[in-house]
Amino acid sequence: MKGLFKLAIVTGLGAIALKGWRAWMGDGKVADDRGPIGSSGIVRDAGPQEGITQADWDLVDEQSDESFPASDPPGNY
């Protein structure tokens, strides 16, 4: 009986340790950033101030940003 009791204690401690470790490490799921149904998800605001440096912003970037979400590229692309 003593062996069975020791096994139960070790198993219980192992289960508690495993549960704590999983809580500490997280569940491994990536946060869902798609937004509500029918949404495009996270979309940046238009303009050069939202994610592109002024030095990298040119005429093609401007026209592409203005034409979003149209599928056709700018005429001078």
PDB file of N, CA and C in Angstrom:
ATOM      1  N   MET A   1       0.812  -1.199   0.000  1.00  0.00           N
ATOM      2  CA  MET A   1       0.000   0.000   0.000  1.00  0.00           C
ATOM      3  C   MET A   1       0.851   1.257   0.000  1.00  0.00           C
ATOM      4  N   LYS A   2       2.010   1.197   0.701  1.00  0.00           N
ATOM      5  CA  LYS A   2       2.862   2.367   0.773  1.00  0.00           C
ATOM      6  C   LYS A   2       3.375   2.760  -0.607  1.00  0.00           C
ATOM      7  N   GLY A   3       3.692   1.783  -1.414  1.00  0.00           N
ATOM      8  CA  GLY A   3       4.192   2.064  -2.766  1.00  0.00           C
ATOM      9  C   GLY A   3       3.138   2.736  -3.630  1.00  0.00           C
ATOM     10  N   LEU A   4       1.891   2.286  -3.510  1.00  0.00           N
ATOM     11  CA  LEU A   4       0.799   2.867  -4.268  1.00  0.00           C
ATOM     12  C   LEU A   4       0.533   4.312  -3.828  1.00  0.00           C
ATOM     13  N   PHE A   5       0.638   4.548  -2.524  1.00  0.00           N
ATOM     14  CA  PHE A   5       0.435   5.892  -1.989  1.00  0.00           C
ATOM     15  C   PHE A   5       1.535   6.846  -2.479  1.00  0.00           C
ATOM     16  N   LYS A   6       2.785   6.374  -2.480  1.00  0.00           N
ATOM     17  CA  LYS A   6       3.897   7.181  -2.986  1.00  0.00           C
ATOM     18  C   LYS A   6       3.726   7.480  -4.473  1.00  0.00           C
ATOM     19  N   LEU A   7       3.272   6.483  -5.239  1.00  0.00           N
ATOM     20  CA  LEU A   7       3.042   6.674  -6.661  1.00  0.00           C
ATOM     21  C   LEU A   7       1.957   7.727  -6.907  1.00  0.00           C
ATOM     22  N   ALA A   8       0.905   7.697  -6.100  1.00  0.00           N
ATOM     23  CA  ALA A   8      -0.176   8.682  -6.234  1.00  0.00           C
ATOM     24  C   ALA A   8       0.329  10.087  -5.920  1.00  0.00           C
ATOM     25  N   ILE A   9       1.169  10.220  -4.899  1.00  0.00           N
ATOM     26  CA  ILE A   9       1.712  11.532  -4.546  1.00  0.00           C
ATOM     27  C   ILE A   9       2.617  12.057  -5.663  1.00  0.00           C
ATOM     28  N   VAL A  10       3.504  11.210  -6.167  1.00  0.00           N
ATOM     29  CA  VAL A  10       4.415  11.617  -7.242  1.00  0.00           C
ATOM     30  C   VAL A  10       3.638  11.980  -8.503  1.00  0.00           C
ATOM     31  N   THR A  11       2.621  11.215  -8.825  1.00  0.00           N
ATOM     32  CA  THR A  11       1.794  11.500 -10.000  1.00  0.00           C
ATOM     33  C   THR A  11       1.067  12.826  -9.831  1.00  0.00           C
ATOM     34  N   GLY A  12       0.522  13.078  -8.642  1.00  0.00           N
ATOM     35  CA  GLY A  12      -0.168  14.346  -8.388  1.00  0.00           C
ATOM     36  C   GLY A  12       0.768  15.528  -8.478  1.00  0.00           C
ATOM     37  N   LEU A  13       1.965  15.393  -7.899  1.00  0.00           N
ATOM     38  CA  LEU A  13       2.942  16.483  -7.983  1.00  0.00           C
ATOM     39  C   LEU A  13       3.384  16.719  -9.431  1.00  0.00           C
ATOM     40  N   GLY A  14       3.533  15.648 -10.174  1.00  0.00           N
ATOM     41  CA  GLY A  14       3.901  15.784 -11.589  1.00  0.00           C
ATOM     42  C   GLY A  14       2.814  16.483 -12.386  1.00  0.00           C
ATOM     43  N   ALA A  15       1.556  16.165 -12.106  1.00  0.00           N
ATOM     44  CA  ALA A  15       0.440  16.802 -12.805  1.00  0.00           C
ATOM     45  C   ALA A  15       0.376  18.294 -12.481  1.00  0.00           C
ATOM     46  N   ILE A  16       0.604  18.625 -11.211  1.00  0.00           N
ATOM     47  CA  ILE A  16       0.597  20.034 -10.804  1.00  0.00           C
ATOM     48  C   ILE A  16       1.763  20.782 -11.460  1.00  0.00           C
ATOM     49  N   ALA A  17       2.939  20.149 -11.495  1.00  0.00           N
ATOM     50  CA  ALA A  17       4.097  20.776 -12.130  1.00  0.00           C
ATOM     51  C   ALA A  17       3.869  20.968 -13.620  1.00  0.00           C
ATOM     52  N   LEU A  18       3.281  19.997 -14.279  1.00  0.00           N
ATOM     53  CA  LEU A  18       3.008  20.105 -15.715  1.00  0.00           C
ATOM     54  C   LEU A  18       1.999  21.217 -15.999  1.00  0.00           C
ATOM     55  N   LYS A  19       0.969  21.299 -15.184  1.00  0.00           N
ATOM     56  CA  LYS A  19      -0.025  22.356 -15.365  1.00  0.00           C
ATOM     57  C   LYS A  19       0.603  23.736 -15.168  1.00  0.00           C
ATOM     58  N   GLY A  20       1.444  23.884 -14.165  1.00  0.00           N
ATOM     59  CA  GLY A  20       2.129  25.147 -13.926  1.00  0.00           C
ATOM     60  C   GLY A  20       3.081  25.511 -15.050  1.00  0.00           C
ATOM     61  N   TRP A  21       3.804  24.519 -15.570  1.00  0.00           N
ATOM     62  CA  TRP A  21       4.733  24.768 -16.666  1.00  0.00           C
ATOM     63  C   TRP A  21       3.988  25.205 -17.925  1.00  0.00           C
ATOM     64  N   ARG A  22       2.866  24.561 -18.213  1.00  0.00           N
ATOM     65  CA  ARG A  22       2.078  24.947 -19.390  1.00  0.00           C
ATOM     66  C   ARG A  22       1.517  26.358 -19.244  1.00  0.00           C
ATOM     67  N   ALA A  23       1.099  26.719 -18.041  1.00  0.00           N
ATOM     68  CA  ALA A  23       0.591  28.068 -17.808  1.00  0.00           C
ATOM     69  C   ALA A  23       1.714  29.093 -17.952  1.00  0.00           C
ATOM     70  N   TRP A  24       2.904  28.740 -17.514  1.00  0.00           N
ATOM     71  CA  TRP A  24       4.037  29.641 -17.590  1.00  0.00           C
ATOM     72  C   TRP A  24       4.499  29.818 -19.036  1.00  0.00           C
ATOM     73  N   MET A  25       4.495  28.742 -19.834  1.00  0.00           N
ATOM     74  CA  MET A  25       4.954  28.793 -21.218  1.00  0.00           C
ATOM     75  C   MET A  25       3.893  29.321 -22.169  1.00  0.00           C
ATOM     76  N   GLY A  26       2.650  29.360 -21.772  1.00  0.00           N
ATOM     77  CA  GLY A  26       1.584  29.784 -22.674  1.00  0.00           C
ATOM     78  C   GLY A  26       1.048  28.603 -23.459  1.00  0.00           C
ATOM     79  N   ASP A  27       0.011  28.858 -24.225  1.00  0.00           N
ATOM     80  CA  ASP A  27      -0.604  27.765 -24.964  1.00  0.00           C
ATOM     81  C   ASP A  27      -0.047  27.620 -26.379  1.00  0.00           C
ATOM     82  N   GLY A  28       0.829  28.528 -26.811  1.00  0.00           N
ATOM     83  CA  GLY A  28       1.448  28.411 -28.124  1.00  0.00           C
ATOM     84  C   GLY A  28       0.592  28.915 -29.270  1.00  0.00           C
ATOM     85  N   LYS A  29      -0.570  29.425 -28.973  1.00  0.00           N
ATOM     86  CA  LYS A  29      -1.438  29.925 -30.033  1.00  0.00           C
ATOM     87  C   LYS A  29      -1.087  31.372 -30.354  1.00  0.00           C
ATOM     88  N   VAL A  30      -1.114  31.703 -31.619  1.00  0.00           N
ATOM     89  CA  VAL A  30      -0.862  33.067 -32.067  1.00  0.00           C
ATOM     90  C   VAL A  30      -2.167  33.844 -31.976  1.00  0.00           C
ATOM     91  N   ALA A  31      -2.089  35.072 -31.538  1.00  0.00           N
ATOM     92  CA  ALA A  31      -3.296  35.898 -31.418  1.00  0.00           C
ATOM     93  C   ALA A  31      -3.947  36.099 -32.782  1.00  0.00           C
ATOM     94  N   ASP A  32      -5.248  36.021 -32.808  1.00  0.00           N
ATOM     95  CA  ASP A  32      -6.009  36.198 -34.044  1.00  0.00           C
ATOM     96  C   ASP A  32      -6.181  37.689 -34.304  1.00  0.00           C
ATOM     97  N   ASP A  33      -5.567  38.189 -35.388  1.00  0.00           N
ATOM     98  CA  ASP A  33      -5.650  39.610 -35.698  1.00  0.00           C
ATOM     99  C   ASP A  33      -6.496  39.881 -36.949  1.00  0.00           C
ATOM    100  N   ARG A  34      -7.329  38.918 -37.316  1.00  0.00           N
ATOM    101  CA  ARG A  34      -8.126  39.093 -38.526  1.00  0.00           C
ATOM    102  C   ARG A  34      -9.308  40.014 -38.326  1.00  0.00           C
ATOM    103  N   GLY A  35      -9.713  40.270 -37.132  1.00  0.00           N
ATOM    104  CA  GLY A  35     -10.849  41.143 -36.885  1.00  0.00           C
ATOM    105  C   GLY A  35     -12.162  40.411 -37.079  1.00  0.00           C
ATOM    106  N   PRO A  36     -13.271  41.154 -37.068  1.00  0.00           N
ATOM    107  CA  PRO A  36     -14.574  40.514 -37.231  1.00  0.00           C
ATOM    108  C   PRO A  36     -14.767  39.964 -38.644  1.00  0.00           C
ATOM    109  N   ILE A  37     -15.765  39.114 -38.798  1.00  0.00           N
ATOM    110  CA  ILE A  37     -16.052  38.512 -40.094  1.00  0.00           C
ATOM    111  C   ILE A  37     -16.364  39.614 -41.106  1.00  0.00           C
ATOM    112  N   GLY A  38     -15.774  39.507 -42.285  1.00  0.00           N
ATOM    113  CA  GLY A  38     -15.967  40.507 -43.332  1.00  0.00           C
ATOM    114  C   GLY A  38     -14.962  41.636 -43.261  1.00  0.00           C
ATOM    115  N   SER A  39     -14.086  41.585 -42.285  1.00  0.00           N
ATOM    116  CA  SER A  39     -13.082  42.631 -42.109  1.00  0.00           C
ATOM    117  C   SER A  39     -11.802  42.238 -42.828  1.00  0.00           C
ATOM    118  N   SER A  40     -11.007  43.218 -43.188  1.00  0.00           N
ATOM    119  CA  SER A  40      -9.714  42.958 -43.810  1.00  0.00           C
ATOM    120  C   SER A  40      -8.625  42.754 -42.779  1.00  0.00           C
ATOM    121  N   GLY A  41      -8.965  42.885 -41.528  1.00  0.00           N
ATOM    122  CA  GLY A  41      -7.966  42.742 -40.478  1.00  0.00           C
ATOM    123  C   GLY A  41      -7.346  44.079 -40.144  1.00  0.00           C
ATOM    124  N   ILE A  42      -6.114  44.042 -39.695  1.00  0.00           N
ATOM    125  CA  ILE A  42      -5.420  45.264 -39.327  1.00  0.00           C
ATOM    126  C   ILE A  42      -4.873  45.915 -40.585  1.00  0.00           C
ATOM    127  N   VAL A  43      -5.289  47.121 -40.846  1.00  0.00           N
ATOM    128  CA  VAL A  43      -4.860  47.859 -42.028  1.00  0.00           C
ATOM    129  C   VAL A  43      -4.292  49.185 -41.553  1.00  0.00           C
ATOM    130  N   ARG A  44      -3.121  49.539 -42.061  1.00  0.00           N
ATOM    131  CA  ARG A  44      -2.509  50.802 -41.653  1.00  0.00           C
ATOM    132  C   ARG A  44      -3.261  51.965 -42.289  1.00  0.00           C
ATOM    133  N   ASP A  45      -3.154  53.129 -41.673  1.00  0.00           N
ATOM    134  CA  ASP A  45      -3.738  54.329 -42.241  1.00  0.00           C
ATOM    135  C   ASP A  45      -2.953  54.731 -43.476  1.00  0.00           C
ATOM    136  N   ALA A  46      -3.599  55.484 -44.361  1.00  0.00           N
ATOM    137  CA  ALA A  46      -2.950  55.908 -45.595  1.00  0.00           C
ATOM    138  C   ALA A  46      -1.943  57.009 -45.318  1.00  0.00           C
ATOM    139  N   GLY A  47      -0.979  57.116 -46.200  1.00  0.00           N
ATOM    140  CA  GLY A  47      -0.017  58.207 -46.127  1.00  0.00           C
ATOM    141  C   GLY A  47       1.367  57.777 -45.721  1.00  0.00           C
ATOM    142  N   PRO A  48       2.336  58.648 -46.002  1.00  0.00           N
ATOM    143  CA  PRO A  48       3.736  58.319 -45.712  1.00  0.00           C
ATOM    144  C   PRO A  48       4.050  58.308 -44.220  1.00  0.00           C
ATOM    145  N   GLN A  49       3.212  58.903 -43.404  1.00  0.00           N
ATOM    146  CA  GLN A  49       3.476  58.950 -41.965  1.00  0.00           C
ATOM    147  C   GLN A  49       3.179  57.629 -41.281  1.00  0.00           C
ATOM    148  N   GLU A  50       2.636  56.656 -41.983  1.00  0.00           N
ATOM    149  CA  GLU A  50       2.226  55.391 -41.375  1.00  0.00           C
ATOM    150  C   GLU A  50       3.091  54.222 -41.836  1.00  0.00           C
ATOM    151  N   GLY A  51       4.337  54.189 -41.428  1.00  0.00           N
ATOM    152  CA  GLY A  51       5.144  52.996 -41.621  1.00  0.00           C
ATOM    153  C   GLY A  51       6.227  53.073 -42.669  1.00  0.00           C
ATOM    154  N   ILE A  52       6.250  54.096 -43.494  1.00  0.00           N
ATOM    155  CA  ILE A  52       7.290  54.236 -44.507  1.00  0.00           C
ATOM    156  C   ILE A  52       7.992  55.568 -44.259  1.00  0.00           C
ATOM    157  N   THR A  53       9.309  55.555 -44.262  1.00  0.00           N
ATOM    158  CA  THR A  53      10.049  56.790 -44.012  1.00  0.00           C
ATOM    159  C   THR A  53       9.871  57.753 -45.180  1.00  0.00           C
ATOM    160  N   GLN A  54      10.003  59.024 -44.899  1.00  0.00           N
ATOM    161  CA  GLN A  54       9.842  60.055 -45.937  1.00  0.00           C
ATOM    162  C   GLN A  54      10.855  59.866 -47.061  1.00  0.00           C
ATOM    163  N   ALA A  55      12.049  59.395 -46.737  1.00  0.00           N
ATOM    164  CA  ALA A  55      13.083  59.211 -47.761  1.00  0.00           C
ATOM    165  C   ALA A  55      12.707  58.092 -48.732  1.00  0.00           C
ATOM    166  N   ASP A  56      11.964  57.094 -48.276  1.00  0.00           N
ATOM    167  CA  ASP A  56      11.584  55.973 -49.137  1.00  0.00           C
ATOM    168  C   ASP A  56      10.260  56.196 -49.856  1.00  0.00           C
ATOM    169  N   TRP A  57       9.535  57.245 -49.517  1.00  0.00           N
ATOM    170  CA  TRP A  57       8.213  57.509 -50.098  1.00  0.00           C
ATOM    171  C   TRP A  57       8.390  58.239 -51.416  1.00  0.00           C
ATOM    172  N   ASP A  58       7.904  57.656 -52.520  1.00  0.00           N
ATOM    173  CA  ASP A  58       8.035  58.305 -53.831  1.00  0.00           C
ATOM    174  C   ASP A  58       6.670  58.373 -54.519  1.00  0.00           C
ATOM    175  N   LEU A  59       6.659  58.770 -55.786  1.00  0.00           N
ATOM    176  CA  LEU A  59       5.415  58.954 -56.534  1.00  0.00           C
ATOM    177  C   LEU A  59       4.631  57.647 -56.666  1.00  0.00           C
ATOM    178  N   VAL A  60       5.331  56.539 -56.911  1.00  0.00           N
ATOM    179  CA  VAL A  60       4.654  55.248 -57.058  1.00  0.00           C
ATOM    180  C   VAL A  60       4.002  54.840 -55.738  1.00  0.00           C
ATOM    181  N   ASP A  61       4.704  55.054 -54.620  1.00  0.00           N
ATOM    182  CA  ASP A  61       4.121  54.749 -53.316  1.00  0.00           C
ATOM    183  C   ASP A  61       2.870  55.593 -53.084  1.00  0.00           C
ATOM    184  N   GLU A  62       2.932  56.858 -53.439  1.00  0.00           N
ATOM    185  CA  GLU A  62       1.793  57.763 -53.256  1.00  0.00           C
ATOM    186  C   GLU A  62       0.587  57.282 -54.064  1.00  0.00           C
ATOM    187  N   GLN A  63       0.807  56.970 -55.343  1.00  0.00           N
ATOM    188  CA  GLN A  63      -0.296  56.544 -56.197  1.00  0.00           C
ATOM    189  C   GLN A  63      -0.835  55.172 -55.780  1.00  0.00           C
ATOM    190  N   SER A  64       0.044  54.287 -55.379  1.00  0.00           N
ATOM    191  CA  SER A  64      -0.398  52.975 -54.923  1.00  0.00           C
ATOM    192  C   SER A  64      -1.226  53.094 -53.650  1.00  0.00           C
ATOM    193  N   ASP A  65      -0.799  53.957 -52.752  1.00  0.00           N
ATOM    194  CA  ASP A  65      -1.520  54.163 -51.503  1.00  0.00           C
ATOM    195  C   ASP A  65      -2.889  54.786 -51.756  1.00  0.00           C
ATOM    196  N   GLU A  66      -2.980  55.700 -52.721  1.00  0.00           N
ATOM    197  CA  GLU A  66      -4.251  56.345 -53.037  1.00  0.00           C
ATOM    198  C   GLU A  66      -5.216  55.401 -53.738  1.00  0.00           C
ATOM    199  N   SER A  67      -4.689  54.405 -54.456  1.00  0.00           N
ATOM    200  CA  SER A  67      -5.563  53.506 -55.213  1.00  0.00           C
ATOM    201  C   SER A  67      -6.050  52.315 -54.386  1.00  0.00           C
ATOM    202  N   PHE A  68      -5.518  52.141 -53.182  1.00  0.00           N
ATOM    203  CA  PHE A  68      -5.927  51.007 -52.344  1.00  0.00           C
ATOM    204  C   PHE A  68      -7.389  51.128 -51.986  1.00  0.00           C
ATOM    205  N   PRO A  69      -8.189  50.126 -52.035  1.00  0.00           N
ATOM    206  CA  PRO A  69      -7.947  48.709 -52.244  1.00  0.00           C
ATOM    207  C   PRO A  69      -8.203  48.233 -53.669  1.00  0.00           C
ATOM    208  N   ALA A  70      -8.133  49.143 -54.641  1.00  0.00           N
ATOM    209  CA  ALA A  70      -8.330  48.718 -56.028  1.00  0.00           C
ATOM    210  C   ALA A  70      -7.249  47.716 -56.428  1.00  0.00           C
ATOM    211  N   SER A  71      -7.577  46.820 -57.317  1.00  0.00           N
ATOM    212  CA  SER A  71      -6.624  45.773 -57.686  1.00  0.00           C
ATOM    213  C   SER A  71      -5.682  46.202 -58.792  1.00  0.00           C
ATOM    214  N   ASP A  72      -5.975  47.277 -59.475  1.00  0.00           N
ATOM    215  CA  ASP A  72      -5.123  47.723 -60.578  1.00  0.00           C
ATOM    216  C   ASP A  72      -3.966  48.557 -60.029  1.00  0.00           C
ATOM    217  N   PRO A  73      -2.764  48.337 -60.543  1.00  0.00           N
ATOM    218  CA  PRO A  73      -1.636  49.157 -60.109  1.00  0.00           C
ATOM    219  C   PRO A  73      -1.727  50.546 -60.735  1.00  0.00           C
ATOM    220  N   PRO A  74      -0.950  51.511 -60.248  1.00  0.00           N
ATOM    221  CA  PRO A  74      -0.945  52.836 -60.862  1.00  0.00           C
ATOM    222  C   PRO A  74      -0.519  52.756 -62.320  1.00  0.00           C
ATOM    223  N   GLY A  75      -0.915  53.752 -63.109  1.00  0.00           N
ATOM    224  CA  GLY A  75      -0.638  53.740 -64.546  1.00  0.00           C
ATOM    225  C   GLY A  75       0.826  53.810 -64.903  1.00  0.00           C
ATOM    226  N   ASN A  76       1.642  54.430 -64.095  1.00  0.00           N
ATOM    227  CA  ASN A  76       3.052  54.558 -64.434  1.00  0.00           C
ATOM    228  C   ASN A  76       3.923  53.522 -63.747  1.00  0.00           C
ATOM    229  N   TYR A  77       3.330  52.446 -63.307  1.00  0.00           N
ATOM    230  CA  TYR A  77       4.090  51.429 -62.583  1.00  0.00           C
ATOM    231  C   TYR A  77       4.950  50.639 -63.516  1.00  0.00           C
TER     232      TYR A  77
END
